[in-house]
Amino acid sequence: MTDKAPQPSPIFKPLYKQVQELITERIIEGVWKPGEILPSEFQLADLLGVSQGTVRKALNALTEDNVLFRRQGVGTFVSEHTLQKMLFHFFHFKSDNGDIPELPYAQLLETRLIAPDDSLRSVFNIAADEKVIEIHRVRSIKNTASIRELIYLPHRYFMDLDKEEKLPHSLYHYYQQHFNITVHKATDRLKAVLADEQDQSILNVAAGQPLLEVTRTARALDGRTVEYRISRANSQDLHYLVELN
């Protein structure tokens, strides 16, 4: 009698989870684009060879995860990063005076193609010979320069973006429309830093003034890290707001 190493058992996934993944894959592939309506539950069930109840359960899960949204009496749509959604979902800097929040104006300072350092290669899990796009811009609130941003993108996902002379204020909507990349989740890390020479010049702050630095790692629907962003904010009139439910 010979001893055999135990074989790993296959990971079981409920059928609705498999359908959920298939729908997500088709969104990533561009079969259904942001803002477009999906086929009906009956049509999807026929297309995927499953019951209508299984499709409904998958659609419910994707709706709860904000990949889809529903319009009563109309149908189910692929979620889109509109300016309004951007404001309340991904932008967390708020004015101290309690004014109605607004997306700040973004001025592009420079876009260039760079060779990433070790930390960026690790963030994006890319090879040493791959390039990264660096976007440098300043965001103004009520005509006051308030936030300096450095945004890094893997060139392979955003081909020729570095050649654009203008970029919109809402980049996540732009990623969806031009590159079929939906930023689905993001992790923000906050810490206090001191203003450097560039901060002083761009944000018009004194040397050594405390700033709030937020580093964001943003991931697409399939889990790829597609953006790394460093925001340095003059927090004299701003705060970072997170609402927990």
C-alpha atoms as a PDB file:
ATOM      1  CA  MET A   1       0.000   0.000   0.000  1.00  0.00           C
ATOM      2  CA  THR A   2       1.497   3.318  -1.063  1.00  0.00           C
ATOM      3  CA  ASP A   3       0.776   6.673   0.484  1.00  0.00           C
ATOM      4  CA  LYS A   4      -0.599   9.281  -1.865  1.00  0.00           C
ATOM      5  CA  ALA A   5      -0.649  13.003  -1.239  1.00  0.00           C
ATOM      6  CA  PRO A   6      -4.196  14.236  -0.713  1.00  0.00           C
ATOM      7  CA  GLN A   7      -5.639  15.884  -3.787  1.00  0.00           C
ATOM      8  CA  PRO A   8      -7.144  19.351  -3.376  1.00  0.00           C
ATOM      9  CA  SER A   9     -10.895  19.287  -3.725  1.00  0.00           C
ATOM     10  CA  PRO A  10     -12.358  21.546  -6.403  1.00  0.00           C
ATOM     11  CA  ILE A  11     -13.759  24.850  -5.149  1.00  0.00           C
ATOM     12  CA  PHE A  12     -17.524  24.743  -5.442  1.00  0.00           C
ATOM     13  CA  LYS A  13     -19.290  27.870  -6.662  1.00  0.00           C
ATOM     14  CA  PRO A  14     -23.070  28.209  -6.621  1.00  0.00           C
ATOM     15  CA  LEU A  15     -24.565  28.463 -10.104  1.00  0.00           C
ATOM     16  CA  TYR A  16     -25.700  32.069  -9.591  1.00  0.00           C
ATOM     17  CA  LYS A  17     -22.069  32.988  -8.716  1.00  0.00           C
ATOM     18  CA  GLN A  18     -20.900  31.431 -11.979  1.00  0.00           C
ATOM     19  CA  VAL A  19     -23.547  33.429 -13.857  1.00  0.00           C
ATOM     20  CA  GLN A  20     -22.462  36.557 -11.962  1.00  0.00           C
ATOM     21  CA  GLU A  21     -18.881  36.029 -13.135  1.00  0.00           C
ATOM     22  CA  LEU A  22     -19.969  35.391 -16.733  1.00  0.00           C
ATOM     23  CA  ILE A  23     -21.949  38.650 -16.823  1.00  0.00           C
ATOM     24  CA  THR A  24     -19.014  40.542 -15.300  1.00  0.00           C
ATOM     25  CA  GLU A  25     -16.637  39.057 -17.888  1.00  0.00           C
ATOM     26  CA  ARG A  26     -18.906  40.224 -20.711  1.00  0.00           C
ATOM     27  CA  ILE A  27     -19.011  43.728 -19.264  1.00  0.00           C
ATOM     28  CA  ILE A  28     -15.191  43.753 -19.084  1.00  0.00           C
ATOM     29  CA  GLU A  29     -15.013  42.493 -22.686  1.00  0.00           C
ATOM     30  CA  GLY A  30     -17.291  45.341 -23.799  1.00  0.00           C
ATOM     31  CA  VAL A  31     -20.254  43.190 -24.824  1.00  0.00           C
ATOM     32  CA  TRP A  32     -22.380  45.418 -22.577  1.00  0.00           C
ATOM     33  CA  LYS A  33     -20.987  48.907 -22.114  1.00  0.00           C
ATOM     34  CA  PRO A  34     -21.498  51.395 -19.235  1.00  0.00           C
ATOM     35  CA  GLY A  35     -24.979  52.881 -19.376  1.00  0.00           C
ATOM     36  CA  GLU A  36     -26.327  50.163 -21.709  1.00  0.00           C
ATOM     37  CA  ILE A  37     -29.318  47.995 -20.869  1.00  0.00           C
ATOM     38  CA  LEU A  38     -28.829  44.255 -20.442  1.00  0.00           C
ATOM     39  CA  PRO A  39     -31.067  41.653 -22.072  1.00  0.00           C
ATOM     40  CA  SER A  40     -34.105  40.695 -19.999  1.00  0.00           C
ATOM     41  CA  GLU A  41     -33.880  38.017 -17.306  1.00  0.00           C
ATOM     42  CA  PHE A  42     -35.685  35.622 -19.647  1.00  0.00           C
ATOM     43  CA  GLN A  43     -33.253  36.354 -22.500  1.00  0.00           C
ATOM     44  CA  LEU A  44     -30.215  35.988 -20.228  1.00  0.00           C
ATOM     45  CA  ALA A  45     -31.515  32.707 -18.859  1.00  0.00           C
ATOM     46  CA  ASP A  46     -31.925  31.390 -22.402  1.00  0.00           C
ATOM     47  CA  LEU A  47     -28.516  32.744 -23.461  1.00  0.00           C
ATOM     48  CA  LEU A  48     -26.670  31.226 -20.490  1.00  0.00           C
ATOM     49  CA  GLY A  49     -28.694  28.016 -20.242  1.00  0.00           C
ATOM     50  CA  VAL A  50     -29.859  28.525 -16.643  1.00  0.00           C
ATOM     51  CA  SER A  51     -33.140  29.238 -14.907  1.00  0.00           C
ATOM     52  CA  GLN A  52     -34.617  32.721 -14.680  1.00  0.00           C
ATOM     53  CA  GLY A  53     -34.370  32.516 -10.885  1.00  0.00           C
ATOM     54  CA  THR A  54     -30.610  31.904 -11.098  1.00  0.00           C
ATOM     55  CA  VAL A  55     -30.217  34.924 -13.386  1.00  0.00           C
ATOM     56  CA  ARG A  56     -32.282  37.084 -11.032  1.00  0.00           C
ATOM     57  CA  LYS A  57     -30.095  36.082  -8.081  1.00  0.00           C
ATOM     58  CA  ALA A  58     -26.920  36.940 -10.056  1.00  0.00           C
ATOM     59  CA  LEU A  59     -28.343  40.304 -11.136  1.00  0.00           C
ATOM     60  CA  ASN A  60     -29.339  41.093  -7.553  1.00  0.00           C
ATOM     61  CA  ALA A  61     -25.788  40.398  -6.370  1.00  0.00           C
ATOM     62  CA  LEU A  62     -24.280  42.587  -9.118  1.00  0.00           C
ATOM     63  CA  THR A  63     -26.737  45.360  -8.309  1.00  0.00           C
ATOM     64  CA  GLU A  64     -25.814  45.241  -4.623  1.00  0.00           C
ATOM     65  CA  ASP A  65     -22.164  45.474  -5.677  1.00  0.00           C
ATOM     66  CA  ASN A  66     -22.933  48.541  -7.863  1.00  0.00           C
ATOM     67  CA  VAL A  67     -21.826  46.806 -11.065  1.00  0.00           C
ATOM     68  CA  LEU A  68     -25.421  47.102 -12.323  1.00  0.00           C
ATOM     69  CA  PHE A  69     -28.383  49.313 -11.509  1.00  0.00           C
ATOM     70  CA  ARG A  70     -32.091  48.909 -12.132  1.00  0.00           C
ATOM     71  CA  ARG A  71     -34.804  51.234 -13.380  1.00  0.00           C
ATOM     72  CA  GLN A  72     -38.236  50.152 -12.271  1.00  0.00           C
ATOM     73  CA  GLY A  73     -40.293  49.051 -15.236  1.00  0.00           C
ATOM     74  CA  VAL A  74     -37.433  49.618 -17.688  1.00  0.00           C
ATOM     75  CA  GLY A  75     -34.664  47.085 -17.053  1.00  0.00           C
ATOM     76  CA  THR A  76     -31.164  46.470 -15.722  1.00  0.00           C
ATOM     77  CA  PHE A  77     -28.251  48.655 -16.838  1.00  0.00           C
ATOM     78  CA  VAL A  78     -24.459  48.584 -16.557  1.00  0.00           C
ATOM     79  CA  SER A  79     -23.401  51.163 -13.979  1.00  0.00           C
ATOM     80  CA  GLU A  80     -21.680  54.273 -15.290  1.00  0.00           C
ATOM     81  CA  HIS A  81     -19.322  56.729 -13.555  1.00  0.00           C
ATOM     82  CA  THR A  82     -21.331  59.898 -14.067  1.00  0.00           C
ATOM     83  CA  LEU A  83     -20.125  63.162 -12.510  1.00  0.00           C
ATOM     84  CA  GLN A  84     -22.800  62.889  -9.831  1.00  0.00           C
ATOM     85  CA  LYS A  85     -21.760  59.362  -8.858  1.00  0.00           C
ATOM     86  CA  MET A  86     -18.109  60.404  -8.855  1.00  0.00           C
ATOM     87  CA  LEU A  87     -18.898  63.189  -6.428  1.00  0.00           C
ATOM     88  CA  PHE A  88     -20.546  61.032  -3.789  1.00  0.00           C
ATOM     89  CA  HIS A  89     -18.707  57.742  -4.254  1.00  0.00           C
ATOM     90  CA  PHE A  90     -15.041  58.459  -4.991  1.00  0.00           C
ATOM     91  CA  PHE A  91     -14.358  62.080  -4.012  1.00  0.00           C
ATOM     92  CA  HIS A  92     -14.171  62.510  -0.227  1.00  0.00           C
ATOM     93  CA  PHE A  93     -12.684  65.975   0.254  1.00  0.00           C
ATOM     94  CA  LYS A  94     -15.345  68.342   1.632  1.00  0.00           C
ATOM     95  CA  SER A  95     -15.383  72.011   2.497  1.00  0.00           C
ATOM     96  CA  ASP A  96     -15.251  72.848   6.222  1.00  0.00           C
ATOM     97  CA  ASN A  97     -18.047  75.400   5.885  1.00  0.00           C
ATOM     98  CA  GLY A  98     -20.638  72.769   4.993  1.00  0.00           C
ATOM     99  CA  ASP A  99     -21.344  74.011   1.468  1.00  0.00           C
ATOM    100  CA  ILE A 100     -23.004  71.640  -0.976  1.00  0.00           C
ATOM    101  CA  PRO A 101     -20.148  69.416  -2.235  1.00  0.00           C
ATOM    102  CA  GLU A 102     -18.893  69.934  -5.746  1.00  0.00           C
ATOM    103  CA  LEU A 103     -16.330  68.259  -7.956  1.00  0.00           C
ATOM    104  CA  PRO A 104     -13.296  70.533  -8.129  1.00  0.00           C
ATOM    105  CA  TYR A 105     -11.927  71.957 -11.343  1.00  0.00           C
ATOM    106  CA  ALA A 106      -8.858  70.007 -12.532  1.00  0.00           C
ATOM    107  CA  GLN A 107      -5.981  71.726 -14.345  1.00  0.00           C
ATOM    108  CA  LEU A 108      -3.549  69.448 -16.156  1.00  0.00           C
ATOM    109  CA  LEU A 109       0.063  70.405 -15.483  1.00  0.00           C
ATOM    110  CA  GLU A 110       1.917  67.600 -17.243  1.00  0.00           C
ATOM    111  CA  THR A 111       1.442  64.110 -18.678  1.00  0.00           C
ATOM    112  CA  ARG A 112       4.441  61.923 -19.436  1.00  0.00           C
ATOM    113  CA  LEU A 113       5.485  58.339 -20.018  1.00  0.00           C
ATOM    114  CA  ILE A 114       7.999  57.141 -17.421  1.00  0.00           C
ATOM    115  CA  ALA A 115       9.951  54.070 -16.382  1.00  0.00           C
ATOM    116  CA  PRO A 116       8.406  53.011 -13.051  1.00  0.00           C
ATOM    117  CA  ASP A 117      10.441  52.556  -9.913  1.00  0.00           C
ATOM    118  CA  ASP A 118      10.312  49.367  -7.850  1.00  0.00           C
ATOM    119  CA  SER A 119       7.335  50.542  -5.765  1.00  0.00           C
ATOM    120  CA  LEU A 120       5.177  51.292  -8.819  1.00  0.00           C
ATOM    121  CA  ARG A 121       6.127  47.999 -10.476  1.00  0.00           C
ATOM    122  CA  SER A 122       5.031  46.258  -7.301  1.00  0.00           C
ATOM    123  CA  VAL A 123       1.729  48.169  -7.154  1.00  0.00           C
ATOM    124  CA  PHE A 124       0.816  47.246 -10.737  1.00  0.00           C
ATOM    125  CA  ASN A 125       2.611  43.878 -10.853  1.00  0.00           C
ATOM    126  CA  ILE A 126       4.340  44.776 -14.128  1.00  0.00           C
ATOM    127  CA  ALA A 127       7.698  43.885 -15.671  1.00  0.00           C
ATOM    128  CA  ALA A 128      10.771  46.093 -15.388  1.00  0.00           C
ATOM    129  CA  ASP A 129      10.615  47.110 -19.063  1.00  0.00           C
ATOM    130  CA  GLU A 130       6.975  48.270 -18.971  1.00  0.00           C
ATOM    131  CA  LYS A 131       6.065  51.959 -18.927  1.00  0.00           C
ATOM    132  CA  VAL A 132       3.735  53.926 -16.682  1.00  0.00           C
ATOM    133  CA  ILE A 133       1.823  57.118 -17.458  1.00  0.00           C
ATOM    134  CA  GLU A 134       2.257  59.920 -14.915  1.00  0.00           C
ATOM    135  CA  ILE A 135      -0.407  62.635 -14.758  1.00  0.00           C
ATOM    136  CA  HIS A 136       0.359  65.746 -12.709  1.00  0.00           C
ATOM    137  CA  ARG A 137      -2.551  68.084 -12.073  1.00  0.00           C
ATOM    138  CA  VAL A 138      -3.973  70.533  -9.557  1.00  0.00           C
ATOM    139  CA  ARG A 139      -7.600  70.634  -8.412  1.00  0.00           C
ATOM    140  CA  SER A 140      -9.223  73.902  -7.440  1.00  0.00           C
ATOM    141  CA  ILE A 141     -12.259  74.477  -5.254  1.00  0.00           C
ATOM    142  CA  LYS A 142     -13.944  77.887  -5.581  1.00  0.00           C
ATOM    143  CA  ASN A 143     -11.031  79.156  -7.680  1.00  0.00           C
ATOM    144  CA  THR A 144      -8.469  78.212  -5.022  1.00  0.00           C
ATOM    145  CA  ALA A 145      -5.794  75.604  -5.744  1.00  0.00           C
ATOM    146  CA  SER A 146      -6.484  73.009  -3.033  1.00  0.00           C
ATOM    147  CA  ILE A 147      -5.207  69.570  -4.085  1.00  0.00           C
ATOM    148  CA  ARG A 148      -2.097  68.500  -6.000  1.00  0.00           C
ATOM    149  CA  GLU A 149      -2.394  65.103  -7.673  1.00  0.00           C
ATOM    150  CA  LEU A 150       0.066  62.635  -9.117  1.00  0.00           C
ATOM    151  CA  ILE A 151      -1.746  59.826 -10.951  1.00  0.00           C
ATOM    152  CA  TYR A 152      -0.033  56.706 -12.273  1.00  0.00           C
ATOM    153  CA  LEU A 153      -1.516  54.342 -14.875  1.00  0.00           C
ATOM    154  CA  PRO A 154      -0.050  51.228 -16.542  1.00  0.00           C
ATOM    155  CA  HIS A 155       0.552  52.175 -20.163  1.00  0.00           C
ATOM    156  CA  ARG A 156      -0.621  48.783 -21.426  1.00  0.00           C
ATOM    157  CA  TYR A 157      -4.151  49.505 -20.152  1.00  0.00           C
ATOM    158  CA  PHE A 158      -4.253  53.145 -21.309  1.00  0.00           C
ATOM    159  CA  MET A 159      -2.444  53.187 -24.644  1.00  0.00           C
ATOM    160  CA  ASP A 160      -1.701  56.706 -25.980  1.00  0.00           C
ATOM    161  CA  LEU A 161      -3.380  58.488 -23.066  1.00  0.00           C
ATOM    162  CA  ASP A 162      -0.019  60.176 -22.458  1.00  0.00           C
ATOM    163  CA  LYS A 163      -0.385  61.912 -25.844  1.00  0.00           C
ATOM    164  CA  GLU A 164      -3.625  63.674 -24.870  1.00  0.00           C
ATOM    165  CA  GLU A 165      -3.231  67.425 -24.423  1.00  0.00           C
ATOM    166  CA  LYS A 166      -6.442  67.730 -22.399  1.00  0.00           C
ATOM    167  CA  LEU A 167      -8.090  65.403 -19.917  1.00  0.00           C
ATOM    168  CA  PRO A 168     -11.554  65.723 -18.327  1.00  0.00           C
ATOM    169  CA  HIS A 169     -12.117  66.508 -14.656  1.00  0.00           C
ATOM    170  CA  SER A 170     -13.741  63.093 -14.126  1.00  0.00           C
ATOM    171  CA  LEU A 171     -11.099  60.540 -15.080  1.00  0.00           C
ATOM    172  CA  TYR A 172     -13.072  57.472 -13.989  1.00  0.00           C
ATOM    173  CA  HIS A 173     -15.835  58.291 -16.476  1.00  0.00           C
ATOM    174  CA  TYR A 174     -13.114  58.834 -19.109  1.00  0.00           C
ATOM    175  CA  TYR A 175     -11.531  55.443 -18.339  1.00  0.00           C
ATOM    176  CA  GLN A 176     -14.903  53.789 -18.920  1.00  0.00           C
ATOM    177  CA  GLN A 177     -15.743  55.563 -22.146  1.00  0.00           C
ATOM    178  CA  HIS A 178     -12.345  55.377 -23.863  1.00  0.00           C
ATOM    179  CA  PHE A 179     -10.649  52.291 -22.413  1.00  0.00           C
ATOM    180  CA  ASN A 180     -13.568  50.147 -21.184  1.00  0.00           C
ATOM    181  CA  ILE A 181     -12.053  50.131 -17.682  1.00  0.00           C
ATOM    182  CA  THR A 182     -14.430  50.538 -14.756  1.00  0.00           C
ATOM    183  CA  VAL A 183     -12.899  51.534 -11.443  1.00  0.00           C
ATOM    184  CA  HIS A 184     -14.932  49.343  -9.119  1.00  0.00           C
ATOM    185  CA  LYS A 185     -13.115  49.520  -5.792  1.00  0.00           C
ATOM    186  CA  ALA A 186     -10.482  51.750  -4.248  1.00  0.00           C
ATOM    187  CA  THR A 187      -8.381  51.720  -1.100  1.00  0.00           C
ATOM    188  CA  ASP A 188      -7.378  55.092   0.388  1.00  0.00           C
ATOM    189  CA  ARG A 189      -4.589  55.603   2.924  1.00  0.00           C
ATOM    190  CA  LEU A 190      -4.292  58.905   4.787  1.00  0.00           C
ATOM    191  CA  LYS A 191      -1.407  60.538   6.582  1.00  0.00           C
ATOM    192  CA  ALA A 192      -0.104  64.001   7.469  1.00  0.00           C
ATOM    193  CA  VAL A 193       2.894  65.291   5.490  1.00  0.00           C
ATOM    194  CA  LEU A 194       4.826  68.553   5.231  1.00  0.00           C
ATOM    195  CA  ALA A 195       4.635  70.722   2.120  1.00  0.00           C
ATOM    196  CA  ASP A 196       7.595  70.366  -0.244  1.00  0.00           C
ATOM    197  CA  GLU A 197       8.771  72.911  -2.814  1.00  0.00           C
ATOM    198  CA  GLN A 198       6.255  71.845  -5.459  1.00  0.00           C
ATOM    199  CA  ASP A 199       3.399  71.969  -2.943  1.00  0.00           C
ATOM    200  CA  GLN A 200       4.467  75.472  -1.923  1.00  0.00           C
ATOM    201  CA  SER A 201       4.487  76.685  -5.506  1.00  0.00           C
ATOM    202  CA  ILE A 202       1.305  74.998  -6.718  1.00  0.00           C
ATOM    203  CA  LEU A 203      -0.883  75.231  -3.603  1.00  0.00           C
ATOM    204  CA  ASN A 204       0.541  78.573  -2.447  1.00  0.00           C
ATOM    205  CA  VAL A 205       1.372  77.290   1.026  1.00  0.00           C
ATOM    206  CA  ALA A 206       4.261  78.022   3.359  1.00  0.00           C
ATOM    207  CA  ALA A 207       7.327  75.811   3.632  1.00  0.00           C
ATOM    208  CA  GLY A 208       6.688  72.950   6.032  1.00  0.00           C
ATOM    209  CA  GLN A 209       2.932  73.540   6.251  1.00  0.00           C
ATOM    210  CA  PRO A 210       1.056  70.328   7.158  1.00  0.00           C
ATOM    211  CA  LEU A 211      -0.902  68.767   4.303  1.00  0.00           C
ATOM    212  CA  LEU A 212      -3.226  65.782   4.148  1.00  0.00           C
ATOM    213  CA  GLU A 213      -1.857  63.120   1.811  1.00  0.00           C
ATOM    214  CA  VAL A 214      -4.191  60.454   0.438  1.00  0.00           C
ATOM    215  CA  THR A 215      -2.748  57.556  -1.548  1.00  0.00           C
ATOM    216  CA  ARG A 216      -5.324  55.575  -3.526  1.00  0.00           C
ATOM    217  CA  THR A 217      -5.032  52.160  -5.145  1.00  0.00           C
ATOM    218  CA  ALA A 218      -7.922  51.682  -7.587  1.00  0.00           C
ATOM    219  CA  ARG A 219      -9.003  48.324  -9.004  1.00  0.00           C
ATOM    220  CA  ALA A 220     -11.113  47.358 -12.008  1.00  0.00           C
ATOM    221  CA  LEU A 221     -14.020  44.910 -12.117  1.00  0.00           C
ATOM    222  CA  ASP A 222     -11.663  41.970 -12.619  1.00  0.00           C
ATOM    223  CA  GLY A 223      -9.434  42.967  -9.691  1.00  0.00           C
ATOM    224  CA  ARG A 224      -6.581  44.494 -11.734  1.00  0.00           C
ATOM    225  CA  THR A 225      -4.896  47.500 -10.138  1.00  0.00           C
ATOM    226  CA  VAL A 226      -5.378  50.179 -12.805  1.00  0.00           C
ATOM    227  CA  GLU A 227      -4.535  53.415 -10.994  1.00  0.00           C
ATOM    228  CA  TYR A 228      -2.286  54.639  -8.189  1.00  0.00           C
ATOM    229  CA  ARG A 229      -2.974  58.207  -7.074  1.00  0.00           C
ATOM    230  CA  ILE A 230      -1.256  60.519  -4.596  1.00  0.00           C
ATOM    231  CA  SER A 231      -3.310  63.546  -3.531  1.00  0.00           C
ATOM    232  CA  ARG A 232      -1.785  66.223  -1.292  1.00  0.00           C
ATOM    233  CA  ALA A 233      -4.423  68.601   0.039  1.00  0.00           C
ATOM    234  CA  ASN A 234      -4.278  71.935   1.818  1.00  0.00           C
ATOM    235  CA  SER A 235      -6.535  70.942   4.711  1.00  0.00           C
ATOM    236  CA  GLN A 236      -6.940  74.420   6.198  1.00  0.00           C
ATOM    237  CA  ASP A 237     -10.411  74.655   4.618  1.00  0.00           C
ATOM    238  CA  LEU A 238     -10.973  71.010   3.690  1.00  0.00           C
ATOM    239  CA  HIS A 239     -11.575  67.736   5.491  1.00  0.00           C
ATOM    240  CA  TYR A 240     -11.752  64.109   4.349  1.00  0.00           C
ATOM    241  CA  LEU A 241     -15.197  62.619   4.939  1.00  0.00           C
ATOM    242  CA  VAL A 242     -16.060  58.919   5.105  1.00  0.00           C
ATOM    243  CA  GLU A 243     -19.602  57.826   5.936  1.00  0.00           C
ATOM    244  CA  LEU A 244     -19.957  54.326   7.375  1.00  0.00           C
ATOM    245  CA  ASN A 245     -23.152  52.280   7.018  1.00  0.00           C
END
